[in-house]
């Protein structure tokens, strides 16, 4: 809802290879301005994946990798973000996007922080980024 007015739209959805189309009526989602940086989305994804494993919705990371259609190595890279100090994780989740929606911070740069042993060492490396 925008300003108390519901916007209804129809759009067509194709399923599979058939030419049948289904009409779906729904409410148009609100548009938010600015993009969420990729690293923030990856951090949130790592937290969500961890919760799925803890809840027993998936057996392990290998099953999660199959479901998410990524390699085990890539899933491990994403899950390694959970090794970051909680304050750094919080900062990652609260990053704001730049004008074009690109953050200058990359996941590859964060791998140096993740590999550091101890939160104080992680903070030192993080402050240099």
Protein backbone atom coordinates (compact mmCIF):
# COMPACT_ATOMS: atom_id res chain seq x y z
CA UNK A 1 0.00 0.00 0.00
CA UNK A 2 1.19 3.46 -0.87
CA UNK A 3 -0.47 6.41 0.87
CA UNK A 4 -3.43 4.20 1.75
CA UNK A 5 -4.07 3.27 -1.89
CA UNK A 6 -3.67 -0.31 -3.08
CA UNK A 7 -2.26 -0.69 -6.57
CA UNK A 8 -3.53 -3.76 -8.38
CA UNK A 9 -1.82 -5.03 -11.50
CA UNK A 10 -2.15 -8.06 -13.70
CA UNK A 11 0.86 -9.81 -15.13
CA UNK A 12 1.45 -13.05 -16.96
CA UNK A 13 3.50 -15.91 -15.60
CA UNK A 14 4.85 -18.74 -17.76
CA UNK A 15 5.58 -22.11 -16.28
CA UNK A 16 7.81 -24.62 -17.98
CA UNK A 17 7.83 -24.97 -21.75
CA UNK A 18 4.10 -24.81 -22.33
CA UNK A 19 2.53 -21.77 -23.90
CA UNK A 20 -0.19 -21.59 -21.27
CA UNK A 21 -0.18 -18.34 -19.39
CA UNK A 22 -1.68 -17.67 -16.00
CA UNK A 23 -2.97 -14.27 -14.96
CA UNK A 24 -2.01 -13.28 -11.43
CA UNK A 25 -3.50 -10.27 -9.68
CA UNK A 26 -1.55 -8.83 -6.81
CA UNK A 27 -0.42 -5.75 -4.99
CA UNK A 28 2.61 -3.98 -6.43
CA UNK A 29 5.44 -3.97 -3.89
CA UNK A 30 6.69 -0.67 -2.53
CA UNK A 31 9.74 0.71 -4.29
CA UNK A 32 12.70 1.51 -2.09
CA UNK A 33 15.34 3.90 -3.27
CA UNK A 34 18.98 2.92 -3.21
CA UNK A 35 20.50 -0.49 -3.54
CA UNK A 36 21.59 -2.82 -0.81
CA UNK A 37 25.30 -3.55 -1.22
CA UNK A 38 26.16 -7.07 -2.34
CA UNK A 39 28.26 -7.74 0.75
CA UNK A 40 25.28 -6.85 2.97
CA UNK A 41 23.10 -9.30 1.06
CA UNK A 42 25.76 -12.02 1.36
CA UNK A 43 26.05 -11.43 5.12
CA UNK A 44 22.28 -11.74 5.52
CA UNK A 45 22.32 -14.86 3.35
CA UNK A 46 25.00 -16.45 5.51
CA UNK A 47 22.92 -15.78 8.62
CA UNK A 48 19.83 -17.24 6.97
CA UNK A 49 21.70 -20.33 5.76
CA UNK A 50 23.10 -20.88 9.24
CA UNK A 51 19.59 -20.67 10.70
CA UNK A 52 18.29 -23.22 8.18
CA UNK A 53 21.01 -25.66 9.22
CA UNK A 54 20.42 -25.06 12.95
CA UNK A 55 16.65 -25.54 12.56
CA UNK A 56 17.19 -28.81 10.72
CA UNK A 57 15.48 -27.59 7.55
CA UNK A 58 18.57 -28.83 5.68
CA UNK A 59 20.96 -31.51 6.83
CA UNK A 60 24.28 -29.81 6.11
CA UNK A 61 26.14 -27.35 3.90
CA UNK A 62 26.41 -29.89 1.06
CA UNK A 63 22.63 -30.21 0.85
CA UNK A 64 22.27 -26.44 1.11
CA UNK A 65 24.74 -26.00 -1.77
CA UNK A 66 22.67 -28.36 -3.93
CA UNK A 67 19.45 -26.52 -3.11
CA UNK A 68 20.99 -23.08 -3.67
CA UNK A 69 22.60 -24.28 -6.90
CA UNK A 70 26.11 -23.17 -5.93
CA UNK A 71 29.31 -25.11 -5.44
CA UNK A 72 30.32 -26.27 -1.98
CA UNK A 73 33.35 -24.01 -2.17
CA UNK A 74 31.20 -20.94 -2.87
CA UNK A 75 28.84 -21.83 -0.03
CA UNK A 76 31.83 -22.15 2.29
CA UNK A 77 33.02 -18.69 1.24
CA UNK A 78 29.62 -17.25 2.09
CA UNK A 79 29.35 -19.14 5.38
CA UNK A 80 32.83 -17.98 6.40
CA UNK A 81 31.36 -14.50 6.85
CA UNK A 82 29.87 -15.87 10.07
CA UNK A 83 33.40 -16.05 11.49
CA UNK A 84 33.57 -12.26 11.54
CA UNK A 85 33.31 -10.37 14.80
CA UNK A 86 29.65 -9.53 15.62
CA UNK A 87 30.29 -5.78 15.40
CA UNK A 88 31.74 -6.15 11.89
CA UNK A 89 28.78 -8.34 10.90
CA UNK A 90 26.44 -5.62 12.16
CA UNK A 91 28.31 -2.95 10.20
CA UNK A 92 28.09 -5.09 7.05
CA UNK A 93 24.35 -5.50 7.47
CA UNK A 94 23.91 -1.75 7.91
CA UNK A 95 26.04 -0.58 4.97
CA UNK A 96 24.40 1.94 2.71
CA UNK A 97 24.71 1.73 -1.05
CA UNK A 98 26.52 4.36 -3.05
CA UNK A 99 24.97 6.49 -5.77
CA UNK A 100 25.18 3.77 -8.41
CA UNK A 101 24.42 0.96 -5.98
CA UNK A 102 27.96 -0.38 -5.95
CA UNK A 103 29.82 -0.71 -2.70
CA UNK A 104 33.56 -0.33 -2.79
CA UNK A 105 33.89 -3.17 -0.28
CA UNK A 106 34.07 -6.64 -1.81
CA UNK A 107 33.77 -10.10 -0.36
CA UNK A 108 37.26 -10.91 -1.58
CA UNK A 109 38.66 -8.07 0.56
CA UNK A 110 36.78 -9.44 3.55
CA UNK A 111 38.46 -12.82 3.23
CA UNK A 112 41.56 -11.24 4.77
CA UNK A 113 39.50 -10.16 7.77
CA UNK A 114 37.81 -13.56 8.07
CA UNK A 115 41.14 -15.36 8.04
CA UNK A 116 42.48 -13.27 10.93
CA UNK A 117 42.52 -15.07 14.27
CA UNK A 118 40.93 -13.06 17.04
CA UNK A 119 38.43 -10.24 17.00
CA UNK A 120 40.94 -7.54 17.87
CA UNK A 121 43.06 -8.51 14.87
CA UNK A 122 39.94 -8.57 12.69
CA UNK A 123 39.10 -5.03 13.87
CA UNK A 124 42.59 -3.79 12.98
CA UNK A 125 42.32 -5.19 9.44
CA UNK A 126 38.73 -3.98 9.12
CA UNK A 127 39.70 -0.42 10.04
CA UNK A 128 42.22 -0.38 7.16
CA UNK A 129 39.59 -1.35 4.57
